[in-house]
Amino acid sequence: MSLSATESIRTSGTRIRVFVLLPLAFLTSAGLLWWMVVPGNPLETAQIIATCLSWLALIAAVGLLRHVPPHQVGAVVIAGTVLLGLVAVSAPPRTSNDSARYAWDGIVQKSGISPYSYVPIDETLSSLRPGWLFAPGSAGPDGKPVCAKDLFGTESVATSGYPSGAPLCTAINRPYVPTIYPPTAEIYFFSVRSAVPDAAGFLAFQVASLLLSAAMALMLLRALANRGSPPYLAAVWAWSPFVQLEAVNNAHVDVLAGVLILAAGMLLLGGNPIRSGVAFGAAVATKLIPVIAAPALLWRRPARFITAASATFALLYLPYVAIAGVGVLGFLPGYLKEENYSQSGGIRFGLAQLVSAGPWTQVLSAAVLAVVALGVLRRTHAGDVWEQQTVMIGLTLLIVSPNYPWYGLMLLPFIVLSRRWEYVGVILALDVIYMVPAGPWSESLNQSVLLLAAAAVAGGTWLRRRGKLRLAALAGLKTEAPDPAAP
């Protein structure tokens, strides 16, 4: 076969991959996403099935994206995340109603009231309640409030107004407690709701989250280019079913925390520890949990970084503390207890529960996390910031095993940059823990998926080290090999 014929076949194959197979894989992802979020889906396990199939479609799409010319990849990635995002925002939040609390906190702040001062059921603020967040309830046969399941397009919560005790329905979870969110999140809530009328529903935060998701994709494209990595890898974030569901459809504020953590890392690599500290302080003031990213950010001028982060955190809290005092803690102490962070129970610290019981699970988990943090602190340098950030955040989520998969929005960007794909197992494990219904076998299933995720991380680490040792050995052999031309 002639060289020109071979080249023609290759060109034809590339065109088929780019213009036929890639759109097919992308449309498959879009269809599965729509099936995942469409209201009234009669199949209760639709999210689980669609998520698994969507990850397979994502792998195929990213593989095919390699054949797109490098100078066009960025535009294709961003266009894809916008198109998938439009599918994600076409329906109300599917698996979480957290954005209902975001909206209420923003509406309350627009009226000049601190979000920490009143609980949502307090009738002092009844004049602020929009119909898409609140509705009158009714009493069931047992006298307890009841609500229609799809009253708000997402989960509805039956409660009672305070102090009247009248039945009340709301889309806000835990409406009887004050908000838990720190000031960066509250400023974000206020900003989004200030841009739209109070009657605007869930779409406002979904669109804002889509913009944040696209911003993250742009940042990843730049960070990948800076380290000489293939730009198409940004699609692992941009086209991920996990991101489209949790960051866009459910509109979780964790995507903002992830953007700020990545910005802190990029600024530090750019030689700006003070600006990096400001970004990190704002990230921690978004949801507190981003503090776990600190050990991988202390390798350059740590005193300046810590000072800037601490000052930013304090300044963001200051106006809220001035109004609400210690009330800014909100539901945080109760949340930690309810989620079993301060005691044994549930799946929290699930791996430690396999070898210990009672308070020893927290002690063992804390000890392991301290070892991980010290190891990351010692190893991190300019050349492996993203790798160590993946290790720090990924192992923390694996060890603590929170019940909410959207915490993984802070992990996935660093998986993309470090290419430590084994840590995707952590995100999938958290997805299973959250999505699989509770039952007599759920505890065993949850611990099994955590073990599988731990095995994936351990296996990936072992293979990577083995590869490095092999390369080092080959380099040593080449260095020691005698020169045949030498006398």
Protein backbone atom coordinates (compact mmCIF):
# COMPACT_ATOMS: atom_id res chain seq x y z
CA MET A 1 0.00 0.00 0.00
CA SER A 2 1.37 3.43 -0.94
CA LEU A 3 2.18 6.08 1.62
CA SER A 4 -0.54 8.39 0.25
CA ALA A 5 -3.16 5.62 0.52
CA THR A 6 -2.16 4.92 4.12
CA GLU A 7 -2.38 8.62 4.94
CA SER A 8 -5.81 8.81 3.28
CA ILE A 9 -7.09 5.93 5.41
CA ARG A 10 -5.77 7.59 8.57
CA THR A 11 -7.39 10.89 7.65
CA SER A 12 -10.69 9.15 6.92
CA GLY A 13 -10.52 7.32 10.28
CA THR A 14 -9.84 10.58 12.10
CA ARG A 15 -12.80 12.26 10.42
CA ILE A 16 -15.10 9.40 11.41
CA ARG A 17 -13.93 9.66 15.03
CA VAL A 18 -14.31 13.46 15.15
CA PHE A 19 -17.49 13.97 13.12
CA VAL A 20 -19.40 10.75 13.80
CA LEU A 21 -18.26 8.85 16.88
CA LEU A 22 -17.49 11.87 19.11
CA PRO A 23 -20.91 13.50 18.53
CA LEU A 24 -22.54 10.11 19.09
CA ALA A 25 -20.76 9.64 22.43
CA PHE A 26 -21.61 13.22 23.41
CA LEU A 27 -25.28 12.86 22.49
CA THR A 28 -25.38 9.62 24.47
CA SER A 29 -24.07 11.51 27.50
CA ALA A 30 -26.66 14.25 26.97
CA GLY A 31 -29.48 11.71 26.68
CA LEU A 32 -28.42 9.90 29.82
CA LEU A 33 -28.17 13.21 31.68
CA TRP A 34 -31.68 14.16 30.60
CA TRP A 35 -32.95 10.75 31.75
CA MET A 36 -31.18 11.32 35.06
CA VAL A 37 -32.77 14.70 35.81
CA VAL A 38 -36.16 14.55 34.06
CA PRO A 39 -38.99 15.13 36.58
CA GLY A 40 -41.34 12.27 37.32
CA ASN A 41 -38.99 9.53 36.20
CA PRO A 42 -40.82 6.35 37.28
CA LEU A 43 -37.57 4.39 37.68
CA GLU A 44 -36.21 5.07 41.17
CA THR A 45 -32.77 3.77 40.26
CA ALA A 46 -32.50 5.97 37.15
CA GLN A 47 -29.75 8.11 38.69
CA ILE A 48 -27.62 5.10 39.56
CA ILE A 49 -28.01 3.42 36.17
CA ALA A 50 -27.58 6.66 34.20
CA THR A 51 -24.53 7.65 36.24
CA CYS A 52 -22.75 4.35 35.54
CA LEU A 53 -23.56 4.48 31.82
CA SER A 54 -22.63 8.17 31.65
CA TRP A 55 -19.13 7.52 33.01
CA LEU A 56 -18.63 4.94 30.24
CA ALA A 57 -19.87 7.45 27.66
CA LEU A 58 -17.50 10.05 29.13
CA ILE A 59 -14.51 7.72 28.79
CA ALA A 60 -15.41 7.14 25.14
CA ALA A 61 -15.93 10.85 24.45
CA VAL A 62 -12.64 11.89 26.05
CA GLY A 63 -10.80 9.20 24.11
CA LEU A 64 -12.30 10.44 20.85
CA LEU A 65 -11.59 14.06 21.75
CA ARG A 66 -7.88 13.29 21.38
CA HIS A 67 -8.37 13.33 17.60
CA VAL A 68 -9.66 16.91 17.55
CA PRO A 69 -6.92 19.37 16.48
CA PRO A 70 -5.27 20.79 19.64
CA HIS A 71 -6.09 24.41 18.77
CA GLN A 72 -9.81 23.52 18.61
CA VAL A 73 -10.03 21.36 21.72
CA GLY A 74 -10.66 24.24 24.13
CA ALA A 75 -13.63 25.54 22.15
CA VAL A 76 -15.08 22.03 21.83
CA VAL A 77 -14.71 21.40 25.59
CA ILE A 78 -16.40 24.68 26.56
CA ALA A 79 -19.16 24.25 23.98
CA GLY A 80 -19.77 20.75 25.32
CA THR A 81 -20.02 21.82 28.95
CA VAL A 82 -22.48 24.58 28.01
CA LEU A 83 -24.67 22.21 25.98
CA LEU A 84 -24.68 19.58 28.71
CA GLY A 85 -25.33 22.33 31.23
CA LEU A 86 -28.44 23.39 29.33
CA VAL A 87 -29.72 19.84 29.70
CA ALA A 88 -28.88 19.87 33.41
CA VAL A 89 -30.76 23.14 34.06
CA SER A 90 -33.81 22.00 32.11
CA ALA A 91 -35.21 20.37 35.26
CA PRO A 92 -35.37 21.25 38.98
CA PRO A 93 -32.69 19.85 41.29
CA ARG A 94 -33.03 16.08 41.11
CA THR A 95 -31.24 14.55 44.08
CA SER A 96 -30.73 17.46 46.50
CA ASN A 97 -32.68 20.53 47.58
CA ASP A 98 -29.73 22.39 49.13
CA SER A 99 -30.14 25.23 46.63
CA ALA A 100 -33.52 26.00 48.20
CA ARG A 101 -31.67 27.07 51.35
CA TYR A 102 -29.24 29.08 49.20
CA ALA A 103 -32.18 30.92 47.66
CA TRP A 104 -33.84 31.63 51.00
CA ASP A 105 -30.61 32.96 52.52
CA GLY A 106 -30.18 35.24 49.50
CA ILE A 107 -33.77 36.50 49.65
CA VAL A 108 -33.47 37.22 53.38
CA GLN A 109 -30.23 39.17 52.85
CA LYS A 110 -31.84 41.23 50.06
CA SER A 111 -34.28 42.45 52.73
CA GLY A 112 -31.39 43.58 54.93
CA ILE A 113 -31.75 40.70 57.43
CA SER A 114 -28.95 38.42 58.57
CA PRO A 115 -29.44 34.82 57.35
CA TYR A 116 -28.27 33.65 60.79
CA SER A 117 -31.01 35.50 62.71
CA TYR A 118 -34.14 33.50 61.84
CA VAL A 119 -35.00 29.94 60.89
CA PRO A 120 -37.09 29.47 57.70
CA ILE A 121 -40.23 28.40 59.59
CA ASP A 122 -40.21 31.61 61.66
CA GLU A 123 -43.33 33.52 60.66
CA THR A 124 -41.58 36.82 61.32
CA LEU A 125 -40.34 36.56 57.73
CA SER A 126 -43.51 35.06 56.23
CA SER A 127 -43.94 38.09 53.95
CA LEU A 128 -40.69 37.16 52.19
CA ARG A 129 -41.73 33.61 51.34
CA PRO A 130 -42.06 32.97 47.57
CA GLY A 131 -44.56 30.38 46.40
CA TRP A 132 -41.90 28.18 44.82
CA LEU A 133 -40.23 27.70 48.23
CA PHE A 134 -43.19 27.67 50.62
CA ALA A 135 -46.82 26.53 50.49
CA PRO A 136 -49.56 25.91 53.08
CA GLY A 137 -49.60 22.34 54.34
CA SER A 138 -52.34 20.09 55.62
CA ALA A 139 -52.67 17.77 58.58
CA GLY A 140 -52.66 14.02 58.11
CA PRO A 141 -54.79 11.48 59.99
CA ASP A 142 -52.25 11.51 62.81
CA GLY A 143 -52.32 15.30 63.01
CA LYS A 144 -48.82 15.70 61.57
CA PRO A 145 -48.17 18.02 58.61
CA VAL A 146 -48.18 16.37 55.18
CA CYS A 147 -47.16 17.65 51.75
CA ALA A 148 -47.44 16.50 48.16
CA LYS A 149 -44.28 14.77 47.00
CA ASP A 150 -43.58 16.95 43.94
CA LEU A 151 -45.07 20.17 45.25
CA PHE A 152 -41.97 22.22 44.35
CA GLY A 153 -40.52 20.14 41.54
CA THR A 154 -37.95 18.82 43.99
CA GLU A 155 -38.19 17.26 47.45
CA SER A 156 -40.80 18.85 49.72
CA VAL A 157 -40.50 18.99 53.50
CA ALA A 158 -43.52 18.90 55.80
CA THR A 159 -43.14 21.09 58.87
CA SER A 160 -45.01 23.61 61.02
CA GLY A 161 -44.79 27.38 61.15
CA TYR A 162 -43.40 29.06 64.25
CA PRO A 163 -45.00 30.09 66.53
CA SER A 164 -48.48 29.31 65.14
CA GLY A 165 -47.82 25.60 64.54
CA ALA A 166 -49.80 25.74 61.28
CA PRO A 167 -48.91 22.99 58.78
CA LEU A 168 -46.32 24.26 56.30
CA CYS A 169 -44.63 22.83 53.22
CA THR A 170 -41.23 23.99 52.03
CA ALA A 171 -38.47 22.96 49.65
CA ILE A 172 -35.85 23.83 52.29
CA ASN A 173 -34.32 20.94 54.18
CA ARG A 174 -33.98 21.28 57.95
CA PRO A 175 -36.23 24.40 57.93
CA TYR A 176 -36.29 24.43 61.73
CA VAL A 177 -32.59 25.28 62.11
CA PRO A 178 -30.55 28.36 61.14
CA THR A 179 -28.31 28.31 58.10
CA ILE A 180 -24.97 26.50 58.27
CA TYR A 181 -23.18 28.31 55.45
CA PRO A 182 -20.15 30.58 56.01
CA PRO A 183 -19.84 34.15 54.66
CA THR A 184 -18.34 33.56 51.19
CA ALA A 185 -21.26 31.27 50.45
CA GLU A 186 -23.70 33.82 51.86
CA ILE A 187 -22.20 36.60 49.72
CA TYR A 188 -22.58 34.31 46.71
CA PHE A 189 -26.21 33.56 47.64
CA PHE A 190 -26.92 37.26 48.01
CA SER A 191 -25.24 38.09 44.70
CA VAL A 192 -27.18 35.51 42.71
CA ARG A 193 -30.55 36.36 44.21
CA SER A 194 -29.92 40.10 43.81
CA ALA A 195 -29.66 39.56 40.06
CA VAL A 196 -33.15 38.03 39.78
CA PRO A 197 -36.61 38.70 41.24
CA ASP A 198 -37.66 36.68 44.29
CA ALA A 199 -40.18 34.83 42.14
CA ALA A 200 -37.38 33.32 40.04
CA GLY A 201 -36.97 29.69 41.04
CA PHE A 202 -34.15 27.17 41.13
CA LEU A 203 -32.89 28.18 37.69
CA ALA A 204 -30.97 31.17 39.06
CA PHE A 205 -28.47 29.08 41.02
CA GLN A 206 -28.33 26.42 38.33
CA VAL A 207 -27.25 28.99 35.73
CA ALA A 208 -24.76 30.52 38.18
CA SER A 209 -23.32 27.05 38.83
CA LEU A 210 -23.11 26.37 35.10
CA LEU A 211 -21.03 29.54 34.72
CA LEU A 212 -18.77 28.44 37.59
CA SER A 213 -18.41 25.00 36.03
CA ALA A 214 -17.42 26.58 32.70
CA ALA A 215 -14.96 28.84 34.52
CA MET A 216 -13.41 25.77 36.12
CA ALA A 217 -13.06 24.18 32.68
CA LEU A 218 -11.25 27.29 31.40
CA MET A 219 -8.94 27.24 34.40
CA LEU A 220 -8.18 23.57 33.81
CA LEU A 221 -7.39 24.23 30.15
CA ARG A 222 -4.88 26.87 31.22
CA ALA A 223 -3.38 24.77 34.01
CA LEU A 224 -3.03 21.76 31.69
CA ALA A 225 -1.30 23.94 29.09
CA ASN A 226 1.07 25.32 31.74
CA ARG A 227 2.26 21.85 32.62
CA GLY A 228 2.32 20.56 29.04
CA SER A 229 -0.56 18.11 29.48
CA PRO A 230 -3.14 17.32 26.76
CA PRO A 231 -5.95 19.93 26.83
CA TYR A 232 -8.65 17.36 26.07
CA LEU A 233 -8.33 16.09 29.65
CA ALA A 234 -10.33 19.15 30.77
CA ALA A 235 -13.40 17.35 29.38
CA VAL A 236 -13.17 14.88 32.26
CA TRP A 237 -14.44 17.77 34.38
CA ALA A 238 -16.45 19.67 31.80
CA TRP A 239 -18.42 16.71 30.45
CA SER A 240 -18.56 14.62 33.61
CA PRO A 241 -22.05 13.36 34.61
CA PHE A 242 -20.99 13.91 38.21
CA VAL A 243 -20.31 17.60 37.59
CA GLN A 244 -23.45 18.13 35.52
CA LEU A 245 -25.63 16.55 38.20
CA GLU A 246 -24.06 17.89 41.39
CA ALA A 247 -22.56 21.22 40.28
CA VAL A 248 -25.18 22.28 37.72
CA ASN A 249 -28.51 20.52 38.25
CA ASN A 250 -28.26 20.40 42.05
CA ALA A 251 -26.30 23.72 42.01
CA HIS A 252 -24.09 22.83 44.98
CA VAL A 253 -21.96 25.70 46.26
CA ASP A 254 -19.01 23.28 46.50
CA VAL A 255 -18.21 24.15 42.87
CA LEU A 256 -17.37 27.68 44.03
CA ALA A 257 -15.09 26.25 46.72
CA GLY A 258 -13.39 24.10 44.07
CA VAL A 259 -12.80 27.10 41.79
CA LEU A 260 -11.24 29.05 44.67
CA ILE A 261 -8.97 26.16 45.72
CA LEU A 262 -7.73 25.72 42.17
CA ALA A 263 -7.20 29.49 41.88
CA ALA A 264 -5.14 29.38 45.09
CA GLY A 265 -2.91 26.67 43.63
CA MET A 266 -2.48 28.44 40.29
CA LEU A 267 -1.65 31.74 41.99
CA LEU A 268 0.91 30.03 44.21
CA LEU A 269 2.57 28.43 41.20
CA GLY A 270 2.61 31.90 39.62
CA GLY A 271 4.61 33.24 42.56
CA ASN A 272 1.77 35.08 44.36
CA PRO A 273 1.47 33.58 47.88
CA ILE A 274 -0.53 36.55 49.20
CA ARG A 275 -3.15 36.40 46.45
CA SER A 276 -3.14 32.64 46.78
CA GLY A 277 -3.84 33.00 50.51
CA VAL A 278 -6.72 35.38 49.78
CA ALA A 279 -8.29 32.87 47.39
CA PHE A 280 -7.80 30.05 49.88
CA GLY A 281 -9.25 32.06 52.78
CA ALA A 282 -12.32 32.76 50.64
CA ALA A 283 -12.56 29.04 49.79
CA VAL A 284 -12.53 28.04 53.46
CA ALA A 285 -15.13 30.73 54.15
CA THR A 286 -17.32 29.08 51.51
CA LYS A 287 -17.82 25.76 53.26
CA LEU A 288 -15.00 25.21 55.82
CA ILE A 289 -14.11 21.77 54.44
CA PRO A 290 -11.67 23.29 51.88
CA VAL A 291 -9.27 23.69 54.81
CA ILE A 292 -8.15 20.13 54.01
CA ALA A 293 -6.36 21.53 50.94
CA ALA A 294 -3.96 23.60 53.10
CA PRO A 295 -1.03 21.13 53.46
CA ALA A 296 -0.38 21.14 49.68
CA LEU A 297 -0.35 24.95 49.61
CA LEU A 298 2.31 25.67 52.25
CA TRP A 299 5.43 25.00 50.18
CA ARG A 300 6.08 28.63 49.12
CA ARG A 301 6.34 31.45 51.71
CA PRO A 302 3.91 29.78 54.13
CA ALA A 303 3.90 32.72 56.57
CA ARG A 304 2.58 35.11 53.91
CA PHE A 305 0.10 32.54 52.67
CA ILE A 306 -1.29 31.78 56.14
CA THR A 307 -1.49 35.46 57.09
CA ALA A 308 -3.39 36.36 53.91
CA ALA A 309 -5.74 33.38 54.24
CA SER A 310 -6.47 34.06 57.92
CA ALA A 311 -7.04 37.77 57.34
CA THR A 312 -9.39 37.10 54.42
CA PHE A 313 -11.35 34.53 56.43
CA ALA A 314 -11.71 36.94 59.37
CA LEU A 315 -12.67 39.93 57.22
CA LEU A 316 -15.36 37.95 55.44
CA TYR A 317 -16.87 36.89 58.75
CA LEU A 318 -16.61 40.35 60.37
CA PRO A 319 -19.84 41.99 59.07
CA TYR A 320 -21.89 38.89 59.85
CA VAL A 321 -20.40 38.55 63.34
CA ALA A 322 -21.15 42.24 63.98
CA ILE A 323 -24.85 41.55 63.36
CA ALA A 324 -25.39 37.99 64.60
CA GLY A 325 -22.52 37.43 67.06
CA VAL A 326 -21.97 33.74 67.83
CA GLY A 327 -25.10 33.08 65.79
CA VAL A 328 -22.85 32.89 62.72
CA LEU A 329 -22.07 29.32 63.78
CA GLY A 330 -25.63 28.55 62.74
CA PHE A 331 -26.43 24.87 62.61
CA LEU A 332 -22.76 23.80 62.39
CA PRO A 333 -22.48 22.18 65.88
CA GLY A 334 -25.79 20.36 65.39
CA TYR A 335 -24.81 19.31 61.88
CA LEU A 336 -21.55 17.74 63.05
CA LYS A 337 -23.46 15.74 65.64
CA GLU A 338 -26.29 14.81 63.29
CA GLU A 339 -23.83 13.58 60.64
CA ASN A 340 -21.92 11.50 63.22
CA TYR A 341 -18.67 13.46 62.95
CA SER A 342 -18.50 13.72 66.73
CA GLN A 343 -19.66 10.20 67.56
CA SER A 344 -19.82 6.69 66.13
CA GLY A 345 -22.57 5.68 63.74
CA GLY A 346 -23.55 5.42 60.11
CA ILE A 347 -20.87 5.17 57.44
CA ARG A 348 -18.78 8.03 58.79
CA PHE A 349 -15.13 6.92 59.16
CA GLY A 350 -16.25 3.72 57.44
CA LEU A 351 -12.79 2.23 56.83
CA ALA A 352 -11.75 2.75 60.45
CA GLN A 353 -14.93 0.99 61.58
CA LEU A 354 -13.59 -2.20 60.01
CA VAL A 355 -10.77 -2.39 62.57
CA SER A 356 -12.05 -0.36 65.53
CA ALA A 357 -15.22 0.66 67.36
CA GLY A 358 -16.60 3.48 69.46
CA PRO A 359 -14.47 6.62 69.82
CA TRP A 360 -11.44 4.75 68.49
CA THR A 361 -12.77 5.11 64.96
CA GLN A 362 -12.38 8.89 65.15
CA VAL A 363 -9.00 8.59 66.89
CA LEU A 364 -7.64 6.18 64.29
CA SER A 365 -9.00 8.24 61.41
CA ALA A 366 -7.53 11.45 62.84
CA ALA A 367 -4.15 9.77 63.28
CA VAL A 368 -4.10 8.53 59.69
CA LEU A 369 -5.15 11.95 58.40
CA ALA A 370 -2.36 13.57 60.40
CA VAL A 371 0.17 11.22 58.80
CA VAL A 372 -1.23 11.98 55.33
CA ALA A 373 -1.10 15.74 55.97
CA LEU A 374 2.48 15.60 57.23
CA GLY A 375 3.51 13.50 54.23
CA VAL A 376 1.87 15.96 51.81
CA LEU A 377 3.43 18.91 53.63
CA ARG A 378 6.88 17.34 53.34
CA ARG A 379 6.63 16.19 49.72
CA THR A 380 4.89 19.08 47.99
CA HIS A 381 6.96 21.29 45.72
CA ALA A 382 6.31 23.29 42.55
CA GLY A 383 6.50 20.23 40.33
CA ASP A 384 3.84 18.12 42.04
CA VAL A 385 1.34 20.50 43.63
CA TRP A 386 -1.61 18.92 41.82
CA GLU A 387 -0.52 15.36 42.66
CA GLN A 388 -0.24 16.14 46.37
CA GLN A 389 -3.51 18.05 46.37
CA THR A 390 -5.20 14.97 44.88
CA VAL A 391 -3.69 12.79 47.59
CA MET A 392 -4.65 15.17 50.40
CA ILE A 393 -8.25 15.79 49.37
CA GLY A 394 -8.86 12.29 48.02
CA LEU A 395 -7.58 10.41 51.08
CA THR A 396 -9.41 12.78 53.43
CA LEU A 397 -12.72 12.10 51.71
CA LEU A 398 -11.98 8.37 51.67
CA ILE A 399 -11.07 8.23 55.35
CA VAL A 400 -13.84 10.53 56.62
CA SER A 401 -16.35 9.07 54.10
CA PRO A 402 -18.95 11.85 54.10
CA ASN A 403 -22.45 10.99 53.03
CA TYR A 404 -22.49 13.60 50.27
CA PRO A 405 -20.81 12.99 46.89
CA TRP A 406 -20.73 16.68 45.92
CA TYR A 407 -17.73 17.14 48.21
CA GLY A 408 -15.91 15.44 45.34
CA LEU A 409 -16.32 18.64 43.29
CA MET A 410 -13.21 19.82 45.16
CA LEU A 411 -11.32 16.66 44.18
CA LEU A 412 -12.07 16.09 40.49
CA PRO A 413 -10.13 19.13 39.15
CA PHE A 414 -6.95 17.86 40.79
CA ILE A 415 -7.52 14.34 39.50
CA VAL A 416 -7.61 15.85 36.01
CA LEU A 417 -4.41 17.83 36.55
CA SER A 418 -2.50 15.02 38.25
CA ARG A 419 -3.95 12.24 36.06
CA ARG A 420 -4.31 10.07 39.14
CA TRP A 421 -7.44 8.44 37.75
CA GLU A 422 -7.62 5.87 40.53
CA TYR A 423 -9.03 8.60 42.80
CA VAL A 424 -12.20 8.69 40.69
CA GLY A 425 -13.03 5.58 42.73
CA VAL A 426 -13.45 7.83 45.78
CA ILE A 427 -16.08 9.94 43.97
CA LEU A 428 -17.90 6.83 42.74
CA ALA A 429 -17.90 5.36 46.25
CA LEU A 430 -19.47 8.52 47.69
CA ASP A 431 -22.03 8.43 44.87
CA VAL A 432 -23.03 4.88 45.78
CA ILE A 433 -23.25 5.69 49.49
CA TYR A 434 -25.58 8.61 48.76
CA MET A 435 -27.74 7.18 45.97
CA VAL A 436 -28.33 3.57 47.03
CA PRO A 437 -31.42 3.38 49.27
CA ALA A 438 -30.90 2.47 52.91
CA GLY A 439 -31.60 -1.14 53.83
CA PRO A 440 -30.40 -4.03 55.96
CA TRP A 441 -27.51 -4.58 53.55
CA SER A 442 -26.57 -0.92 52.96
CA GLU A 443 -23.88 -0.77 55.66
CA SER A 444 -22.04 -3.74 54.16
CA LEU A 445 -22.41 -2.28 50.66
CA ASN A 446 -21.11 1.11 51.77
CA GLN A 447 -18.05 -0.37 53.44
CA SER A 448 -17.46 -2.58 50.40
CA VAL A 449 -17.39 0.38 48.00
CA LEU A 450 -15.04 2.23 50.34
CA LEU A 451 -12.74 -0.79 50.35
CA LEU A 452 -12.88 -0.96 46.56
CA ALA A 453 -12.01 2.73 46.34
CA ALA A 454 -9.13 2.22 48.77
CA ALA A 455 -7.93 -0.74 46.71
CA ALA A 456 -8.09 1.36 43.53
CA VAL A 457 -6.04 4.14 45.15
CA ALA A 458 -3.50 1.66 46.53
CA GLY A 459 -3.27 -0.19 43.22
CA GLY A 460 -2.80 3.00 41.23
CA THR A 461 -0.12 4.22 43.63
CA TRP A 462 1.73 0.90 43.42
CA LEU A 463 1.65 0.79 39.63
CA ARG A 464 2.85 4.38 39.40
CA ARG A 465 5.77 3.77 41.75
CA ARG A 466 6.64 0.57 39.96
CA GLY A 467 6.72 2.47 36.67
CA LYS A 468 8.98 5.15 38.14
CA LEU A 469 11.36 2.56 39.55
CA ARG A 470 11.52 0.82 36.18
CA LEU A 471 12.29 4.08 34.40
CA ALA A 472 14.95 4.92 36.98
CA ALA A 473 16.52 1.48 36.55
CA LEU A 474 16.57 1.84 32.76
CA ALA A 475 18.13 5.29 33.07
CA GLY A 476 20.77 3.85 35.37
CA LEU A 477 21.59 1.05 32.95
CA LYS A 478 21.98 3.52 30.08
CA THR A 479 24.28 5.64 32.20
CA GLU A 480 26.46 2.68 33.20
CA ALA A 481 26.57 1.04 29.76
CA PRO A 482 30.11 1.18 28.27
CA ASP A 483 30.62 3.25 25.16
CA PRO A 484 31.38 0.81 22.32
CA ALA A 485 33.46 3.48 20.58
CA ALA A 486 35.71 3.92 23.61
CA PRO A 487 39.25 2.43 23.29
